Amino acid sequence: MLLLDLTVLLSGILIGTVAHLSVPVAIAAGAAVSAVLLAFAVREHPAKRSRR
């Protein structure tokens, strides 16, 4: 999932609206998205295990 996030961030830097942002802001936004995805994965992992 993190690899997918990095791929989207890098493609956004090359083409897209992220190109209008500075590099540190783009990296911070990518880190924020990664943190949200990681928090969701951690929260959902025990719920998935308890459903079995």
N, C-alpha and C. Protein backbone atom coordinates (compact mmCIF):
# COMPACT_ATOMS: atom_id res chain seq x y z
N MET A 1 0.83 -1.18 0.00
CA MET A 1 0.00 0.00 0.00
C MET A 1 0.87 1.25 0.00
N LEU A 2 1.95 1.20 0.75
CA LEU A 2 2.85 2.34 0.79
C LEU A 2 3.51 2.56 -0.57
N LEU A 3 3.84 1.47 -1.25
CA LEU A 3 4.43 1.59 -2.58
C LEU A 3 3.45 2.26 -3.54
N LEU A 4 2.20 1.91 -3.44
CA LEU A 4 1.17 2.53 -4.28
C LEU A 4 1.07 4.02 -3.97
N ASP A 5 1.12 4.38 -2.70
CA ASP A 5 1.06 5.77 -2.30
C ASP A 5 2.26 6.56 -2.85
N LEU A 6 3.44 5.98 -2.74
CA LEU A 6 4.62 6.66 -3.26
C LEU A 6 4.56 6.80 -4.77
N THR A 7 4.03 5.81 -5.45
CA THR A 7 3.90 5.88 -6.90
C THR A 7 2.95 7.00 -7.30
N VAL A 8 1.84 7.11 -6.61
CA VAL A 8 0.88 8.18 -6.90
C VAL A 8 1.50 9.54 -6.61
N LEU A 9 2.23 9.65 -5.51
CA LEU A 9 2.88 10.92 -5.17
C LEU A 9 3.90 11.31 -6.23
N LEU A 10 4.74 10.37 -6.64
CA LEU A 10 5.76 10.67 -7.63
C LEU A 10 5.15 11.02 -8.99
N SER A 11 4.12 10.31 -9.39
CA SER A 11 3.47 10.66 -10.66
C SER A 11 2.76 12.00 -10.54
N GLY A 12 2.25 12.32 -9.35
CA GLY A 12 1.62 13.62 -9.14
C GLY A 12 2.62 14.75 -9.20
N ILE A 13 3.85 14.50 -8.77
CA ILE A 13 4.89 15.53 -8.85
C ILE A 13 5.25 15.77 -10.32
N LEU A 14 5.34 14.69 -11.08
CA LEU A 14 5.71 14.84 -12.49
C LEU A 14 4.58 15.43 -13.32
N ILE A 15 3.37 14.96 -13.13
CA ILE A 15 2.22 15.48 -13.86
C ILE A 15 1.07 15.66 -12.90
N GLY A 16 0.36 16.73 -13.01
CA GLY A 16 -0.80 16.92 -12.16
C GLY A 16 -0.69 18.16 -11.29
N THR A 17 -1.63 18.27 -10.41
CA THR A 17 -1.72 19.47 -9.60
C THR A 17 -0.64 19.55 -8.53
N VAL A 18 -0.05 18.43 -8.17
CA VAL A 18 1.02 18.47 -7.17
C VAL A 18 2.24 19.20 -7.72
N ALA A 19 2.36 19.30 -9.02
CA ALA A 19 3.48 20.01 -9.63
C ALA A 19 3.46 21.49 -9.30
N HIS A 20 2.30 22.00 -8.90
CA HIS A 20 2.19 23.42 -8.55
C HIS A 20 2.57 23.69 -7.10
N LEU A 21 2.78 22.64 -6.34
CA LEU A 21 3.19 22.78 -4.94
C LEU A 21 4.70 22.67 -4.84
N SER A 22 5.25 23.15 -3.76
CA SER A 22 6.67 22.96 -3.54
C SER A 22 6.92 21.50 -3.14
N VAL A 23 8.14 21.05 -3.31
CA VAL A 23 8.47 19.65 -3.02
C VAL A 23 8.23 19.31 -1.55
N PRO A 24 8.64 20.14 -0.59
CA PRO A 24 8.37 19.78 0.81
C PRO A 24 6.88 19.66 1.13
N VAL A 25 6.06 20.50 0.52
CA VAL A 25 4.62 20.42 0.76
C VAL A 25 4.06 19.14 0.15
N ALA A 26 4.53 18.77 -1.03
CA ALA A 26 4.08 17.54 -1.67
C ALA A 26 4.49 16.32 -0.85
N ILE A 27 5.69 16.34 -0.31
CA ILE A 27 6.15 15.22 0.52
C ILE A 27 5.33 15.15 1.81
N ALA A 28 5.04 16.31 2.40
CA ALA A 28 4.22 16.33 3.61
C ALA A 28 2.81 15.80 3.33
N ALA A 29 2.25 16.16 2.19
CA ALA A 29 0.92 15.67 1.83
C ALA A 29 0.95 14.16 1.62
N GLY A 30 1.98 13.68 0.96
CA GLY A 30 2.12 12.23 0.77
C GLY A 30 2.29 11.50 2.08
N ALA A 31 3.03 12.10 3.00
CA ALA A 31 3.22 11.49 4.31
C ALA A 31 1.90 11.46 5.09
N ALA A 32 1.11 12.51 4.94
CA ALA A 32 -0.19 12.56 5.62
C ALA A 32 -1.12 11.48 5.08
N VAL A 33 -1.15 11.31 3.78
CA VAL A 33 -1.98 10.27 3.16
C VAL A 33 -1.50 8.90 3.62
N SER A 34 -0.19 8.71 3.66
CA SER A 34 0.36 7.43 4.11
C SER A 34 -0.02 7.15 5.56
N ALA A 35 0.01 8.17 6.40
CA ALA A 35 -0.35 7.99 7.81
C ALA A 35 -1.81 7.59 7.95
N VAL A 36 -2.68 8.21 7.16
CA VAL A 36 -4.10 7.87 7.21
C VAL A 36 -4.31 6.43 6.76
N LEU A 37 -3.66 6.03 5.67
CA LEU A 37 -3.80 4.67 5.18
C LEU A 37 -3.25 3.65 6.17
N LEU A 38 -2.13 3.98 6.82
CA LEU A 38 -1.55 3.09 7.81
C LEU A 38 -2.47 2.96 9.03
N ALA A 39 -3.02 4.09 9.48
CA ALA A 39 -3.94 4.04 10.62
C ALA A 39 -5.17 3.21 10.29
N PHE A 40 -5.69 3.34 9.09
CA PHE A 40 -6.85 2.55 8.67
C PHE A 40 -6.50 1.07 8.64
N ALA A 41 -5.33 0.73 8.11
CA ALA A 41 -4.91 -0.67 8.03
C ALA A 41 -4.74 -1.26 9.43
N VAL A 42 -4.14 -0.52 10.33
CA VAL A 42 -3.94 -1.01 11.70
C VAL A 42 -5.27 -1.18 12.41
N ARG A 43 -6.19 -0.26 12.18
CA ARG A 43 -7.51 -0.34 12.82
C ARG A 43 -8.32 -1.50 12.28
N GLU A 44 -8.23 -1.77 11.00
CA GLU A 44 -9.03 -2.81 10.38
C GLU A 44 -8.45 -4.21 10.55
N HIS A 45 -7.16 -4.33 10.80
CA HIS A 45 -6.54 -5.64 10.90
C HIS A 45 -7.14 -6.49 12.02
N PRO A 46 -7.26 -5.98 13.25
CA PRO A 46 -7.87 -6.81 14.31
C PRO A 46 -9.34 -7.11 14.03
N ALA A 47 -10.06 -6.20 13.43
CA ALA A 47 -11.47 -6.42 13.12
C ALA A 47 -11.61 -7.54 12.10
N LYS A 48 -10.72 -7.60 11.16
CA LYS A 48 -10.75 -8.66 10.14
C LYS A 48 -10.47 -10.01 10.80
N ARG A 49 -9.55 -10.03 11.74
CA ARG A 49 -9.17 -11.28 12.40
C ARG A 49 -10.31 -11.78 13.30
N SER A 50 -11.05 -10.87 13.94
CA SER A 50 -12.10 -11.30 14.87
C SER A 50 -13.35 -11.77 14.14
N ARG A 51 -13.53 -11.42 12.88
CA ARG A 51 -14.69 -11.86 12.12
C ARG A 51 -14.63 -13.33 11.73
N ARG A 52 -13.46 -13.90 11.75
CA ARG A 52 -13.31 -15.30 11.32
C ARG A 52 -13.91 -16.26 12.28
